[in-house]
Amino acid sequence: MDLVFKYDLNETCKVLIQEKLDGLDIIYTYTGLGEVKLSCKISDQKREELKTQLGKYGIGIVDNKKELLVQKIKNILTQMAYLDEEDIINKTSIHLTEKLNLSYGYLSNIFTEITMSTIANYIILQKIERAKTLLTKEALTLTEIAHKLNYSSVAHLSNQFKKKTGLTPTAFQRIIEKRKDNN
């Protein structure tokens, strides 16, 4: 018997981070995707223990100011990719500027400097990852997925999907189904 899991990666990370902070008796307020505000300074020993515990799950603590800003941008963009279709934000540049209180040009330059990629490319990657999840975990048509991810058409989604993965969404779905059948 196989088990197939359905999960929300953002919620999983949030719960994991909260459990580790609680386990170390660190007092905090969860402020957003991957961000907490500490109520007081923590010892270097607790910080290292937290880093070690989270590191086991591939979660790190960002210390460099530019990397911190890029991580905040990524967190906002990831949140945007997982919004319900009625909550979709159409103007990323305005949203980022309002959330981070910095000019979009500055944010874009820092993002590209640190990641060697553009904000637009990161958005596409996040949408494709969400499309993969929807294709494998939900019983949605490509039209429904395109609508949910705010694509103008199924063709637009399919073109970006193929550019990033080398497969059409339908071919991707068939491969996943075949793997499930073989297990």
N, C-alpha and C. Protein backbone atom coordinates (compact mmCIF):
# COMPACT_ATOMS: atom_id res chain seq x y z
N MET A 1 0.84 -1.19 0.00
CA MET A 1 0.00 0.00 0.00
C MET A 1 0.88 1.24 0.00
N ASP A 2 0.56 2.20 -0.86
CA ASP A 2 1.30 3.45 -0.93
C ASP A 2 0.51 4.55 -0.24
N LEU A 3 1.23 5.50 0.31
CA LEU A 3 0.62 6.69 0.87
C LEU A 3 1.02 7.86 -0.01
N VAL A 4 0.07 8.66 -0.42
CA VAL A 4 0.34 9.87 -1.17
C VAL A 4 -0.04 11.03 -0.28
N PHE A 5 0.90 11.95 -0.09
CA PHE A 5 0.68 13.05 0.83
C PHE A 5 0.29 14.32 0.10
N LYS A 6 -0.63 15.03 0.66
CA LYS A 6 -1.03 16.34 0.20
C LYS A 6 -0.58 17.32 1.28
N TYR A 7 0.15 18.36 0.91
CA TYR A 7 0.67 19.26 1.93
C TYR A 7 0.82 20.67 1.39
N ASP A 8 0.88 21.59 2.32
CA ASP A 8 1.14 23.00 2.02
C ASP A 8 2.54 23.27 2.56
N LEU A 9 3.49 23.43 1.65
CA LEU A 9 4.89 23.60 2.04
C LEU A 9 5.08 24.80 2.96
N ASN A 10 4.39 25.88 2.69
CA ASN A 10 4.52 27.08 3.53
C ASN A 10 4.06 26.81 4.95
N GLU A 11 2.93 26.15 5.07
CA GLU A 11 2.39 25.84 6.40
C GLU A 11 3.31 24.85 7.13
N THR A 12 3.85 23.90 6.39
CA THR A 12 4.77 22.91 6.98
C THR A 12 5.99 23.60 7.57
N CYS A 13 6.59 24.51 6.81
CA CYS A 13 7.76 25.23 7.30
C CYS A 13 7.41 26.09 8.51
N LYS A 14 6.27 26.75 8.45
CA LYS A 14 5.84 27.60 9.57
C LYS A 14 5.72 26.77 10.86
N VAL A 15 5.05 25.65 10.78
CA VAL A 15 4.85 24.80 11.95
C VAL A 15 6.19 24.27 12.46
N LEU A 16 7.06 23.85 11.56
CA LEU A 16 8.36 23.33 11.94
C LEU A 16 9.20 24.39 12.66
N ILE A 17 9.24 25.59 12.11
CA ILE A 17 9.99 26.68 12.74
C ILE A 17 9.42 26.99 14.12
N GLN A 18 8.09 27.07 14.21
CA GLN A 18 7.45 27.35 15.49
C GLN A 18 7.75 26.26 16.52
N GLU A 19 7.72 25.01 16.10
CA GLU A 19 8.03 23.91 17.04
C GLU A 19 9.45 24.01 17.56
N LYS A 20 10.40 24.34 16.70
CA LYS A 20 11.81 24.43 17.12
C LYS A 20 12.01 25.63 18.04
N LEU A 21 11.39 26.76 17.73
CA LEU A 21 11.50 27.93 18.61
C LEU A 21 10.87 27.65 19.97
N ASP A 22 9.69 27.03 19.97
CA ASP A 22 9.01 26.69 21.22
C ASP A 22 9.85 25.71 22.03
N GLY A 23 10.45 24.73 21.36
CA GLY A 23 11.26 23.72 22.03
C GLY A 23 12.49 24.29 22.71
N LEU A 24 12.97 25.42 22.21
CA LEU A 24 14.14 26.09 22.80
C LEU A 24 13.73 27.22 23.74
N ASP A 25 12.43 27.32 24.03
CA ASP A 25 11.88 28.37 24.91
C ASP A 25 12.27 29.77 24.43
N ILE A 26 12.22 29.97 23.12
CA ILE A 26 12.49 31.28 22.54
C ILE A 26 11.13 31.97 22.36
N ILE A 27 11.02 33.15 22.92
CA ILE A 27 9.76 33.90 22.85
C ILE A 27 9.80 34.74 21.57
N TYR A 28 8.74 34.62 20.76
CA TYR A 28 8.73 35.24 19.44
C TYR A 28 7.30 35.54 19.02
N THR A 29 7.19 36.31 17.94
CA THR A 29 5.92 36.54 17.27
C THR A 29 6.14 36.17 15.82
N TYR A 30 5.29 35.33 15.28
CA TYR A 30 5.39 34.95 13.86
C TYR A 30 4.86 36.11 13.04
N THR A 31 5.70 36.70 12.18
CA THR A 31 5.31 37.91 11.45
C THR A 31 5.00 37.66 9.98
N GLY A 32 5.31 36.50 9.47
CA GLY A 32 5.04 36.22 8.06
C GLY A 32 5.81 35.01 7.61
N LEU A 33 5.73 34.73 6.33
CA LEU A 33 6.37 33.55 5.75
C LEU A 33 7.86 33.53 6.09
N GLY A 34 8.23 32.60 6.97
CA GLY A 34 9.64 32.43 7.30
C GLY A 34 10.24 33.54 8.13
N GLU A 35 9.43 34.35 8.77
CA GLU A 35 9.96 35.46 9.56
C GLU A 35 9.32 35.49 10.94
N VAL A 36 10.17 35.71 11.94
CA VAL A 36 9.69 35.88 13.30
C VAL A 36 10.38 37.09 13.93
N LYS A 37 9.69 37.72 14.87
CA LYS A 37 10.26 38.82 15.63
C LYS A 37 10.51 38.28 17.03
N LEU A 38 11.78 38.31 17.44
CA LEU A 38 12.14 37.82 18.77
C LEU A 38 11.77 38.85 19.82
N SER A 39 11.25 38.39 20.94
CA SER A 39 10.87 39.28 22.03
C SER A 39 12.09 39.80 22.78
N CYS A 40 13.17 39.02 22.76
CA CYS A 40 14.42 39.46 23.39
C CYS A 40 15.59 38.77 22.69
N LYS A 41 16.77 39.28 22.94
CA LYS A 41 17.97 38.71 22.34
C LYS A 41 18.17 37.29 22.87
N ILE A 42 18.60 36.40 21.98
CA ILE A 42 18.87 35.02 22.42
C ILE A 42 20.38 34.80 22.46
N SER A 43 20.79 33.87 23.28
CA SER A 43 22.22 33.59 23.42
C SER A 43 22.76 32.97 22.13
N ASP A 44 24.07 33.10 21.95
CA ASP A 44 24.72 32.50 20.78
C ASP A 44 24.53 30.99 20.79
N GLN A 45 24.52 30.41 21.98
CA GLN A 45 24.35 28.96 22.10
C GLN A 45 22.96 28.53 21.60
N LYS A 46 21.91 29.28 22.00
CA LYS A 46 20.55 28.96 21.54
C LYS A 46 20.43 29.18 20.03
N ARG A 47 21.05 30.24 19.55
CA ARG A 47 21.02 30.53 18.11
C ARG A 47 21.66 29.39 17.32
N GLU A 48 22.79 28.90 17.79
CA GLU A 48 23.48 27.80 17.11
C GLU A 48 22.66 26.52 17.18
N GLU A 49 22.03 26.28 18.33
CA GLU A 49 21.18 25.09 18.48
C GLU A 49 19.99 25.17 17.52
N LEU A 50 19.39 26.36 17.40
CA LEU A 50 18.28 26.56 16.48
C LEU A 50 18.75 26.33 15.04
N LYS A 51 19.89 26.88 14.69
CA LYS A 51 20.46 26.69 13.35
C LYS A 51 20.68 25.20 13.06
N THR A 52 21.20 24.49 14.03
CA THR A 52 21.47 23.06 13.87
C THR A 52 20.17 22.29 13.67
N GLN A 53 19.18 22.55 14.53
CA GLN A 53 17.91 21.84 14.43
C GLN A 53 17.19 22.12 13.12
N LEU A 54 17.15 23.38 12.70
CA LEU A 54 16.48 23.72 11.46
C LEU A 54 17.27 23.25 10.24
N GLY A 55 18.59 23.23 10.37
CA GLY A 55 19.46 22.79 9.27
C GLY A 55 19.17 21.37 8.84
N LYS A 56 18.71 20.54 9.76
CA LYS A 56 18.35 19.15 9.43
C LYS A 56 17.22 19.08 8.41
N TYR A 57 16.44 20.16 8.31
CA TYR A 57 15.30 20.21 7.40
C TYR A 57 15.57 21.14 6.20
N GLY A 58 16.82 21.56 6.07
CA GLY A 58 17.18 22.43 4.96
C GLY A 58 16.74 23.88 5.16
N ILE A 59 16.51 24.26 6.40
CA ILE A 59 16.10 25.63 6.72
C ILE A 59 17.28 26.33 7.38
N GLY A 60 17.63 27.49 6.89
CA GLY A 60 18.75 28.24 7.45
C GLY A 60 18.29 29.58 7.99
N ILE A 61 19.14 30.20 8.78
CA ILE A 61 18.90 31.54 9.29
C ILE A 61 19.75 32.49 8.46
N VAL A 62 19.13 33.51 7.91
CA VAL A 62 19.82 34.45 7.02
C VAL A 62 20.41 35.58 7.85
N ASP A 63 21.72 35.84 7.66
CA ASP A 63 22.41 36.88 8.43
C ASP A 63 22.82 38.08 7.59
N ASN A 64 23.24 37.87 6.34
CA ASN A 64 23.71 38.93 5.46
C ASN A 64 22.53 39.83 5.06
N LYS A 65 22.71 41.17 5.13
CA LYS A 65 21.60 42.10 4.89
C LYS A 65 21.02 41.98 3.48
N LYS A 66 21.87 41.85 2.47
CA LYS A 66 21.36 41.71 1.10
C LYS A 66 20.65 40.38 0.94
N GLU A 67 21.22 39.32 1.50
CA GLU A 67 20.57 38.01 1.42
C GLU A 67 19.26 38.01 2.18
N LEU A 68 19.21 38.75 3.28
CA LEU A 68 17.98 38.87 4.05
C LEU A 68 16.89 39.55 3.22
N LEU A 69 17.26 40.61 2.53
CA LEU A 69 16.30 41.32 1.68
C LEU A 69 15.82 40.40 0.55
N VAL A 70 16.74 39.67 -0.06
CA VAL A 70 16.36 38.74 -1.14
C VAL A 70 15.43 37.66 -0.59
N GLN A 71 15.70 37.16 0.60
CA GLN A 71 14.83 36.15 1.19
C GLN A 71 13.45 36.71 1.45
N LYS A 72 13.38 37.96 1.90
CA LYS A 72 12.07 38.60 2.11
C LYS A 72 11.32 38.71 0.79
N ILE A 73 12.03 39.09 -0.27
CA ILE A 73 11.41 39.17 -1.61
C ILE A 73 10.88 37.80 -2.01
N LYS A 74 11.72 36.76 -1.85
CA LYS A 74 11.31 35.40 -2.20
C LYS A 74 10.09 34.98 -1.39
N ASN A 75 10.08 35.29 -0.11
CA ASN A 75 8.94 34.93 0.74
C ASN A 75 7.65 35.58 0.25
N ILE A 76 7.72 36.85 -0.10
CA ILE A 76 6.55 37.58 -0.59
C ILE A 76 6.09 36.98 -1.91
N LEU A 77 7.04 36.71 -2.81
CA LEU A 77 6.69 36.15 -4.13
C LEU A 77 6.11 34.74 -3.99
N THR A 78 6.65 33.96 -3.07
CA THR A 78 6.12 32.62 -2.85
C THR A 78 4.71 32.70 -2.30
N GLN A 79 4.48 33.60 -1.36
CA GLN A 79 3.13 33.80 -0.82
C GLN A 79 2.17 34.16 -1.95
N MET A 80 2.63 35.04 -2.84
CA MET A 80 1.78 35.48 -3.95
C MET A 80 1.41 34.30 -4.86
N ALA A 81 2.34 33.38 -5.08
CA ALA A 81 2.08 32.23 -5.95
C ALA A 81 1.05 31.29 -5.35
N TYR A 82 0.86 31.35 -4.04
CA TYR A 82 -0.07 30.45 -3.36
C TYR A 82 -1.37 31.13 -2.94
N LEU A 83 -1.58 32.34 -3.43
CA LEU A 83 -2.85 33.02 -3.14
C LEU A 83 -3.98 32.36 -3.90
N ASP A 84 -5.18 32.44 -3.37
CA ASP A 84 -6.36 31.99 -4.11
C ASP A 84 -6.59 32.96 -5.25
N GLU A 85 -7.23 32.49 -6.31
CA GLU A 85 -7.37 33.32 -7.51
C GLU A 85 -8.08 34.64 -7.25
N GLU A 86 -8.98 34.69 -6.27
CA GLU A 86 -9.67 35.96 -6.01
C GLU A 86 -8.78 36.96 -5.26
N ASP A 87 -7.68 36.48 -4.70
CA ASP A 87 -6.76 37.36 -3.96
C ASP A 87 -5.50 37.72 -4.75
N ILE A 88 -5.40 37.25 -5.99
CA ILE A 88 -4.17 37.44 -6.78
C ILE A 88 -3.84 38.91 -6.93
N ILE A 89 -2.57 39.19 -6.79
CA ILE A 89 -2.04 40.55 -6.92
C ILE A 89 -1.45 40.67 -8.32
N ASN A 90 -1.95 41.62 -9.10
CA ASN A 90 -1.51 41.73 -10.49
C ASN A 90 -0.23 42.53 -10.68
N LYS A 91 0.07 43.45 -9.82
CA LYS A 91 1.24 44.30 -10.00
C LYS A 91 2.27 43.99 -8.93
N THR A 92 3.17 43.08 -9.26
CA THR A 92 4.19 42.62 -8.33
C THR A 92 5.07 43.77 -7.86
N SER A 93 5.46 44.64 -8.79
CA SER A 93 6.38 45.73 -8.43
C SER A 93 5.77 46.63 -7.36
N ILE A 94 4.51 46.96 -7.50
CA ILE A 94 3.85 47.82 -6.51
C ILE A 94 3.73 47.08 -5.17
N HIS A 95 3.35 45.81 -5.24
CA HIS A 95 3.18 45.01 -4.02
C HIS A 95 4.51 44.91 -3.25
N LEU A 96 5.60 44.60 -3.94
CA LEU A 96 6.91 44.50 -3.29
C LEU A 96 7.33 45.84 -2.69
N THR A 97 7.12 46.91 -3.44
CA THR A 97 7.48 48.25 -2.97
C THR A 97 6.72 48.60 -1.70
N GLU A 98 5.43 48.31 -1.68
CA GLU A 98 4.61 48.61 -0.50
C GLU A 98 5.00 47.74 0.69
N LYS A 99 5.27 46.47 0.45
CA LYS A 99 5.61 45.54 1.54
C LYS A 99 6.97 45.84 2.16
N LEU A 100 7.95 46.20 1.32
CA LEU A 100 9.32 46.37 1.80
C LEU A 100 9.75 47.83 1.92
N ASN A 101 8.90 48.74 1.48
CA ASN A 101 9.18 50.17 1.60
C ASN A 101 10.51 50.57 0.94
N LEU A 102 10.78 49.95 -0.21
CA LEU A 102 11.98 50.26 -0.99
C LEU A 102 11.56 50.31 -2.45
N SER A 103 12.33 51.03 -3.27
CA SER A 103 11.97 51.14 -4.68
C SER A 103 12.12 49.79 -5.38
N TYR A 104 11.27 49.58 -6.37
CA TYR A 104 11.32 48.32 -7.11
C TYR A 104 12.65 48.15 -7.84
N GLY A 105 13.18 49.24 -8.37
CA GLY A 105 14.47 49.18 -9.06
C GLY A 105 15.57 48.66 -8.14
N TYR A 106 15.59 49.16 -6.92
CA TYR A 106 16.59 48.72 -5.93
C TYR A 106 16.39 47.24 -5.60
N LEU A 107 15.14 46.87 -5.33
CA LEU A 107 14.83 45.48 -5.00
C LEU A 107 15.22 44.54 -6.14
N SER A 108 14.90 44.94 -7.35
CA SER A 108 15.21 44.13 -8.52
C SER A 108 16.72 43.97 -8.70
N ASN A 109 17.46 45.05 -8.52
CA ASN A 109 18.92 45.00 -8.67
C ASN A 109 19.57 44.10 -7.61
N ILE A 110 19.15 44.24 -6.36
CA ILE A 110 19.69 43.39 -5.29
C ILE A 110 19.35 41.93 -5.54
N PHE A 111 18.10 41.68 -5.95
CA PHE A 111 17.66 40.31 -6.21
C PHE A 111 18.53 39.67 -7.30
N THR A 112 18.73 40.40 -8.37
CA THR A 112 19.53 39.88 -9.49
C THR A 112 20.99 39.70 -9.08
N GLU A 113 21.53 40.65 -8.31
CA GLU A 113 22.92 40.57 -7.85
C GLU A 113 23.15 39.31 -7.01
N ILE A 114 22.23 39.00 -6.12
CA ILE A 114 22.40 37.87 -5.21
C ILE A 114 22.05 36.53 -5.86
N THR A 115 20.98 36.51 -6.65
CA THR A 115 20.49 35.23 -7.19
C THR A 115 20.96 34.94 -8.61
N MET A 116 21.47 35.94 -9.30
CA MET A 116 21.84 35.82 -10.71
C MET A 116 20.63 35.49 -11.58
N SER A 117 19.46 35.89 -11.13
CA SER A 117 18.22 35.69 -11.86
C SER A 117 17.33 36.90 -11.61
N THR A 118 16.25 36.98 -12.35
CA THR A 118 15.35 38.12 -12.19
C THR A 118 14.16 37.76 -11.31
N ILE A 119 13.50 38.80 -10.82
CA ILE A 119 12.28 38.61 -10.04
C ILE A 119 11.22 37.94 -10.93
N ALA A 120 11.12 38.37 -12.17
CA ALA A 120 10.13 37.79 -13.09
C ALA A 120 10.37 36.29 -13.27
N ASN A 121 11.62 35.89 -13.41
CA ASN A 121 11.94 34.48 -13.56
C ASN A 121 11.59 33.70 -12.29
N TYR A 122 11.85 34.28 -11.14
CA TYR A 122 11.51 33.62 -9.87
C TYR A 122 10.00 33.43 -9.76
N ILE A 123 9.24 34.42 -10.18
CA ILE A 123 7.78 34.31 -10.14
C ILE A 123 7.32 33.15 -11.02
N ILE A 124 7.88 33.06 -12.22
CA ILE A 124 7.52 31.97 -13.13
C ILE A 124 7.85 30.63 -12.49
N LEU A 125 9.04 30.51 -11.89
CA LEU A 125 9.43 29.25 -11.24
C LEU A 125 8.45 28.87 -10.13
N GLN A 126 8.04 29.86 -9.34
CA GLN A 126 7.09 29.58 -8.26
C GLN A 126 5.74 29.13 -8.82
N LYS A 127 5.29 29.77 -9.88
CA LYS A 127 4.02 29.39 -10.49
C LYS A 127 4.11 27.98 -11.09
N ILE A 128 5.23 27.65 -11.68
CA ILE A 128 5.40 26.31 -12.26
C ILE A 128 5.43 25.26 -11.15
N GLU A 129 6.11 25.57 -10.03
CA GLU A 129 6.11 24.63 -8.89
C GLU A 129 4.70 24.43 -8.37
N ARG A 130 3.94 25.50 -8.29
CA ARG A 130 2.54 25.38 -7.84
C ARG A 130 1.73 24.59 -8.85
N ALA A 131 1.99 24.82 -10.13
CA ALA A 131 1.28 24.06 -11.17
C ALA A 131 1.59 22.56 -11.04
N LYS A 132 2.85 22.23 -10.77
CA LYS A 132 3.22 20.82 -10.58
C LYS A 132 2.44 20.21 -9.43
N THR A 133 2.35 20.95 -8.34
CA THR A 133 1.61 20.47 -7.16
C THR A 133 0.14 20.28 -7.51
N LEU A 134 -0.43 21.25 -8.20
CA LEU A 134 -1.85 21.15 -8.57
C LEU A 134 -2.09 20.00 -9.54
N LEU A 135 -1.14 19.77 -10.44
CA LEU A 135 -1.28 18.66 -11.40
C LEU A 135 -1.21 17.30 -10.72
N THR A 136 -0.42 17.21 -9.66
CA THR A 136 -0.23 15.91 -9.02
C THR A 136 -1.16 15.68 -7.83
N LYS A 137 -1.62 16.73 -7.18
CA LYS A 137 -2.38 16.56 -5.95
C LYS A 137 -3.86 16.93 -6.05
N GLU A 138 -4.23 17.67 -7.06
CA GLU A 138 -5.61 18.14 -7.19
C GLU A 138 -6.24 17.58 -8.47
N ALA A 139 -7.52 17.44 -8.47
CA ALA A 139 -8.23 16.97 -9.66
C ALA A 139 -8.73 18.18 -10.44
N LEU A 140 -7.79 18.97 -10.96
CA LEU A 140 -8.14 20.17 -11.70
C LEU A 140 -7.74 20.02 -13.17
N THR A 141 -8.48 20.67 -14.04
CA THR A 141 -8.12 20.70 -15.45
C THR A 141 -7.02 21.74 -15.65
N LEU A 142 -6.36 21.69 -16.81
CA LEU A 142 -5.35 22.70 -17.12
C LEU A 142 -5.97 24.09 -17.18
N THR A 143 -7.18 24.18 -17.66
CA THR A 143 -7.87 25.47 -17.71
C THR A 143 -8.07 26.03 -16.30
N GLU A 144 -8.48 25.16 -15.38
CA GLU A 144 -8.67 25.59 -13.98
C GLU A 144 -7.35 25.99 -13.35
N ILE A 145 -6.29 25.25 -13.64
CA ILE A 145 -4.97 25.57 -13.08
C ILE A 145 -4.47 26.90 -13.65
N ALA A 146 -4.63 27.09 -14.96
CA ALA A 146 -4.21 28.36 -15.59
C ALA A 146 -4.95 29.53 -14.95
N HIS A 147 -6.23 29.36 -14.72
CA HIS A 147 -7.03 30.43 -14.09
C HIS A 147 -6.56 30.68 -12.65
N LYS A 148 -6.36 29.59 -11.92
CA LYS A 148 -5.94 29.67 -10.51
C LYS A 148 -4.60 30.40 -10.38
N LEU A 149 -3.70 30.22 -11.37
CA LEU A 149 -2.37 30.83 -11.32
C LEU A 149 -2.30 32.15 -12.07
N ASN A 150 -3.46 32.65 -12.52
CA ASN A 150 -3.56 33.95 -13.17
C ASN A 150 -2.85 33.99 -14.53
N TYR A 151 -2.87 32.89 -15.25
CA TYR A 151 -2.35 32.88 -16.61
C TYR A 151 -3.45 33.36 -17.55
N SER A 152 -3.05 34.03 -18.63
CA SER A 152 -4.03 34.54 -19.59
C SER A 152 -4.68 33.42 -20.39
N SER A 153 -3.97 32.28 -20.51
CA SER A 153 -4.52 31.14 -21.26
C SER A 153 -3.78 29.86 -20.87
N VAL A 154 -4.37 28.74 -21.26
CA VAL A 154 -3.72 27.45 -21.04
C VAL A 154 -2.43 27.38 -21.85
N ALA A 155 -2.46 27.96 -23.05
CA ALA A 155 -1.27 27.95 -23.91
C ALA A 155 -0.10 28.67 -23.24
N HIS A 156 -0.38 29.79 -22.58
CA HIS A 156 0.66 30.55 -21.89
C HIS A 156 1.27 29.71 -20.76
N LEU A 157 0.41 29.09 -19.96
CA LEU A 157 0.87 28.20 -18.89
C LEU A 157 1.70 27.06 -19.49
N SER A 158 1.18 26.41 -20.51
CA SER A 158 1.87 25.27 -21.13
C SER A 158 3.24 25.67 -21.68
N ASN A 159 3.31 26.83 -22.32
CA ASN A 159 4.60 27.30 -22.88
C ASN A 159 5.62 27.54 -21.77
N GLN A 160 5.22 28.22 -20.71
CA GLN A 160 6.15 28.47 -19.60
C GLN A 160 6.52 27.17 -18.90
N PHE A 161 5.57 26.29 -18.73
CA PHE A 161 5.82 25.00 -18.09
C PHE A 161 6.86 24.22 -18.88
N LYS A 162 6.68 24.17 -20.20
CA LYS A 162 7.62 23.42 -21.05
C LYS A 162 9.00 24.06 -21.05
N LYS A 163 9.06 25.39 -21.07
CA LYS A 163 10.35 26.09 -21.04
C LYS A 163 11.13 25.76 -19.77
N LYS A 164 10.45 25.68 -18.65
CA LYS A 164 11.11 25.48 -17.36
C LYS A 164 11.36 24.01 -17.03
N THR A 165 10.50 23.12 -17.50
CA THR A 165 10.64 21.71 -17.12
C THR A 165 11.08 20.81 -18.26
N GLY A 166 10.91 21.28 -19.49
CA GLY A 166 11.20 20.45 -20.65
C GLY A 166 10.05 19.53 -21.03
N LEU A 167 8.95 19.62 -20.29
CA LEU A 167 7.77 18.78 -20.54
C LEU A 167 6.53 19.64 -20.63
N THR A 168 5.54 19.15 -21.36
CA THR A 168 4.25 19.81 -21.32
C THR A 168 3.57 19.41 -20.01
N PRO A 169 2.61 20.18 -19.54
CA PRO A 169 1.90 19.78 -18.33
C PRO A 169 1.26 18.39 -18.44
N THR A 170 0.73 18.08 -19.61
CA THR A 170 0.10 16.77 -19.82
C THR A 170 1.13 15.64 -19.74
N ALA A 171 2.29 15.84 -20.36
CA ALA A 171 3.36 14.83 -20.29
C ALA A 171 3.83 14.66 -18.85
N PHE A 172 3.96 15.75 -18.13
CA PHE A 172 4.35 15.71 -16.72
C PHE A 172 3.33 14.88 -15.92
N GLN A 173 2.05 15.13 -16.16
CA GLN A 173 0.98 14.41 -15.46
C GLN A 173 1.05 12.91 -15.76
N ARG A 174 1.28 12.57 -17.03
CA ARG A 174 1.37 11.15 -17.41
C ARG A 174 2.53 10.46 -16.72
N ILE A 175 3.68 11.13 -16.62
CA ILE A 175 4.85 10.55 -15.96
C ILE A 175 4.54 10.30 -14.48
N ILE A 176 3.92 11.26 -13.83
CA ILE A 176 3.56 11.12 -12.42
C ILE A 176 2.59 9.95 -12.24
N GLU A 177 1.59 9.87 -13.10
CA GLU A 177 0.61 8.78 -13.01
C GLU A 177 1.28 7.43 -13.22
N LYS A 178 2.20 7.36 -14.18
CA LYS A 178 2.91 6.11 -14.45
C LYS A 178 3.74 5.68 -13.25
N ARG A 179 4.40 6.64 -12.60
CA ARG A 179 5.17 6.35 -11.39
C ARG A 179 4.27 5.81 -10.29
N LYS A 180 3.10 6.42 -10.13
CA LYS A 180 2.16 5.95 -9.10
C LYS A 180 1.71 4.53 -9.40
N ASP A 181 1.45 4.24 -10.69
CA ASP A 181 0.99 2.91 -11.09
C ASP A 181 2.07 1.84 -10.88
N ASN A 182 3.33 2.22 -11.04
CA ASN A 182 4.44 1.27 -10.90
C ASN A 182 4.80 0.98 -9.46
N ASN A 183 4.32 1.77 -8.53
CA ASN A 183 4.68 1.55 -7.10
C ASN A 183 3.72 0.69 -6.40
